[in-house]
N, C-alpha and C. Protein backbone atom coordinates (compact mmCIF):
# COMPACT_ATOMS: atom_id res chain seq x y z
N UNK A 1 6.31 235.14 -169.31
CA UNK A 1 7.62 234.77 -169.78
C UNK A 1 8.14 233.50 -169.10
N UNK A 2 7.62 233.17 -167.95
CA UNK A 2 8.09 231.97 -167.25
C UNK A 2 7.84 230.72 -168.08
N UNK A 3 6.72 230.68 -168.80
CA UNK A 3 6.42 229.52 -169.64
C UNK A 3 7.43 229.42 -170.77
N UNK A 4 7.80 230.57 -171.36
CA UNK A 4 8.79 230.56 -172.44
C UNK A 4 10.13 230.01 -171.96
N UNK A 5 10.54 230.43 -170.78
CA UNK A 5 11.81 229.95 -170.22
C UNK A 5 11.73 228.45 -169.96
N UNK A 6 10.61 228.00 -169.43
CA UNK A 6 10.43 226.57 -169.16
C UNK A 6 10.45 225.76 -170.46
N UNK A 7 9.80 226.30 -171.50
CA UNK A 7 9.81 225.62 -172.79
C UNK A 7 11.22 225.52 -173.36
N UNK A 8 12.00 226.59 -173.24
CA UNK A 8 13.38 226.54 -173.71
C UNK A 8 14.19 225.49 -172.96
N UNK A 9 13.99 225.44 -171.65
CA UNK A 9 14.70 224.45 -170.83
C UNK A 9 14.30 223.03 -171.22
N UNK A 10 13.01 222.80 -171.37
CA UNK A 10 12.53 221.46 -171.73
C UNK A 10 13.00 221.05 -173.12
N UNK A 11 12.98 221.99 -174.06
CA UNK A 11 13.45 221.69 -175.41
C UNK A 11 14.93 221.35 -175.41
N UNK A 12 15.71 222.05 -174.61
CA UNK A 12 17.14 221.76 -174.51
C UNK A 12 17.36 220.36 -173.93
N UNK A 13 16.61 220.03 -172.90
CA UNK A 13 16.73 218.69 -172.30
C UNK A 13 16.29 217.61 -173.30
N UNK A 14 15.23 217.91 -174.08
CA UNK A 14 14.73 216.97 -175.09
C UNK A 14 15.82 216.71 -176.14
N UNK A 15 16.47 217.77 -176.61
CA UNK A 15 17.56 217.62 -177.59
C UNK A 15 18.72 216.83 -177.00
N UNK A 16 19.02 217.07 -175.73
CA UNK A 16 20.10 216.36 -175.06
C UNK A 16 19.79 214.86 -174.98
N UNK A 17 18.56 214.54 -174.66
CA UNK A 17 18.17 213.12 -174.61
C UNK A 17 18.21 212.49 -176.00
N UNK A 18 17.79 213.23 -177.01
CA UNK A 18 17.86 212.72 -178.38
C UNK A 18 19.30 212.39 -178.74
N UNK A 19 20.23 213.26 -178.37
CA UNK A 19 21.64 213.02 -178.65
C UNK A 19 22.14 211.80 -177.87
N UNK A 20 21.72 211.68 -176.62
CA UNK A 20 22.14 210.52 -175.81
C UNK A 20 21.63 209.21 -176.42
N UNK A 21 20.41 209.24 -176.94
CA UNK A 21 19.84 208.05 -177.59
C UNK A 21 20.65 207.71 -178.85
N UNK A 22 20.95 208.72 -179.65
CA UNK A 22 21.75 208.49 -180.86
C UNK A 22 23.13 207.96 -180.51
N UNK A 23 23.74 208.51 -179.47
CA UNK A 23 25.06 208.05 -179.04
C UNK A 23 25.00 206.59 -178.60
N UNK A 24 23.98 206.25 -177.83
CA UNK A 24 23.85 204.87 -177.34
C UNK A 24 23.64 203.91 -178.51
N UNK A 25 22.83 204.32 -179.49
CA UNK A 25 22.56 203.47 -180.64
C UNK A 25 23.79 203.29 -181.53
N UNK A 26 24.72 204.22 -181.46
CA UNK A 26 25.91 204.12 -182.30
C UNK A 26 26.91 203.07 -181.80
N UNK A 27 26.73 202.62 -180.58
CA UNK A 27 27.61 201.59 -180.03
C UNK A 27 27.10 200.20 -180.42
N UNK A 28 28.01 199.31 -180.78
CA UNK A 28 27.57 197.96 -181.17
C UNK A 28 26.82 197.22 -180.06
N UNK A 29 27.21 197.43 -178.82
CA UNK A 29 26.56 196.72 -177.72
C UNK A 29 25.64 197.65 -176.95
N UNK A 30 24.74 198.32 -177.66
CA UNK A 30 23.85 199.29 -177.03
C UNK A 30 23.05 198.62 -175.90
N UNK A 31 22.95 199.30 -174.78
CA UNK A 31 22.22 198.81 -173.62
C UNK A 31 20.74 199.09 -173.82
N UNK A 32 19.97 198.05 -174.09
CA UNK A 32 18.55 198.23 -174.41
C UNK A 32 17.76 198.79 -173.23
N UNK A 33 18.11 198.43 -172.01
CA UNK A 33 17.39 198.97 -170.85
C UNK A 33 17.66 200.47 -170.69
N UNK A 34 18.88 200.87 -170.93
CA UNK A 34 19.24 202.28 -170.86
C UNK A 34 18.50 203.05 -171.96
N UNK A 35 18.43 202.47 -173.15
CA UNK A 35 17.70 203.10 -174.26
C UNK A 35 16.22 203.29 -173.92
N UNK A 36 15.62 202.29 -173.33
CA UNK A 36 14.21 202.39 -172.96
C UNK A 36 14.01 203.52 -171.96
N UNK A 37 14.89 203.63 -170.98
CA UNK A 37 14.77 204.69 -169.99
C UNK A 37 14.95 206.07 -170.62
N UNK A 38 15.93 206.20 -171.51
CA UNK A 38 16.14 207.48 -172.19
C UNK A 38 14.91 207.86 -173.02
N UNK A 39 14.35 206.89 -173.72
CA UNK A 39 13.17 207.16 -174.55
C UNK A 39 11.96 207.53 -173.70
N UNK A 40 11.81 206.89 -172.55
CA UNK A 40 10.71 207.24 -171.64
C UNK A 40 10.85 208.68 -171.15
N UNK A 41 12.06 209.03 -170.75
CA UNK A 41 12.30 210.40 -170.28
C UNK A 41 12.04 211.41 -171.39
N UNK A 42 12.46 211.08 -172.60
CA UNK A 42 12.23 211.97 -173.74
C UNK A 42 10.73 212.14 -174.00
N UNK A 43 9.99 211.06 -173.92
CA UNK A 43 8.54 211.11 -174.13
C UNK A 43 7.86 211.96 -173.05
N UNK A 44 8.27 211.80 -171.80
CA UNK A 44 7.69 212.62 -170.73
C UNK A 44 7.95 214.10 -170.97
N UNK A 45 9.16 214.42 -171.43
CA UNK A 45 9.47 215.82 -171.74
C UNK A 45 8.60 216.32 -172.89
N UNK A 46 8.44 215.49 -173.91
CA UNK A 46 7.61 215.89 -175.06
C UNK A 46 6.18 216.16 -174.61
N UNK A 47 5.66 215.30 -173.76
CA UNK A 47 4.29 215.50 -173.25
C UNK A 47 4.18 216.78 -172.44
N UNK A 48 5.20 217.07 -171.63
CA UNK A 48 5.18 218.32 -170.85
C UNK A 48 5.27 219.54 -171.76
N UNK A 49 6.11 219.45 -172.79
CA UNK A 49 6.23 220.55 -173.75
C UNK A 49 4.89 220.79 -174.44
N UNK A 50 4.27 219.73 -174.91
CA UNK A 50 2.97 219.87 -175.59
C UNK A 50 1.91 220.43 -174.65
N UNK A 51 1.96 220.03 -173.39
CA UNK A 51 1.01 220.56 -172.42
C UNK A 51 1.18 222.05 -172.21
N UNK A 52 2.41 222.52 -172.20
CA UNK A 52 2.66 223.95 -172.03
C UNK A 52 2.28 224.74 -173.27
N UNK A 53 2.36 224.10 -174.43
CA UNK A 53 2.03 224.78 -175.68
C UNK A 53 0.54 224.76 -175.98
N UNK A 54 -0.23 223.99 -175.22
CA UNK A 54 -1.65 223.86 -175.52
C UNK A 54 -2.35 225.21 -175.32
N UNK A 55 -3.48 225.41 -175.99
CA UNK A 55 -4.20 226.69 -175.92
C UNK A 55 -4.61 227.11 -174.52
N UNK A 56 -4.68 226.20 -173.58
CA UNK A 56 -5.08 226.53 -172.21
C UNK A 56 -4.02 227.36 -171.52
N UNK A 57 -2.78 227.34 -172.04
CA UNK A 57 -1.71 228.11 -171.41
C UNK A 57 -1.48 229.33 -172.19
């Protein structure tokens, strides 16, 4: 069950980052460096989620 809890946590963080990216993009003067960092963090979370979902786990 620990993996399920971790997946729920990671998915929640992934959704939060997606919302932050959308919010940043909605501003006319979006900070491109901030967007890059948010997208990197989102990608790292996605990779961790996929790793936990892989058949080895």
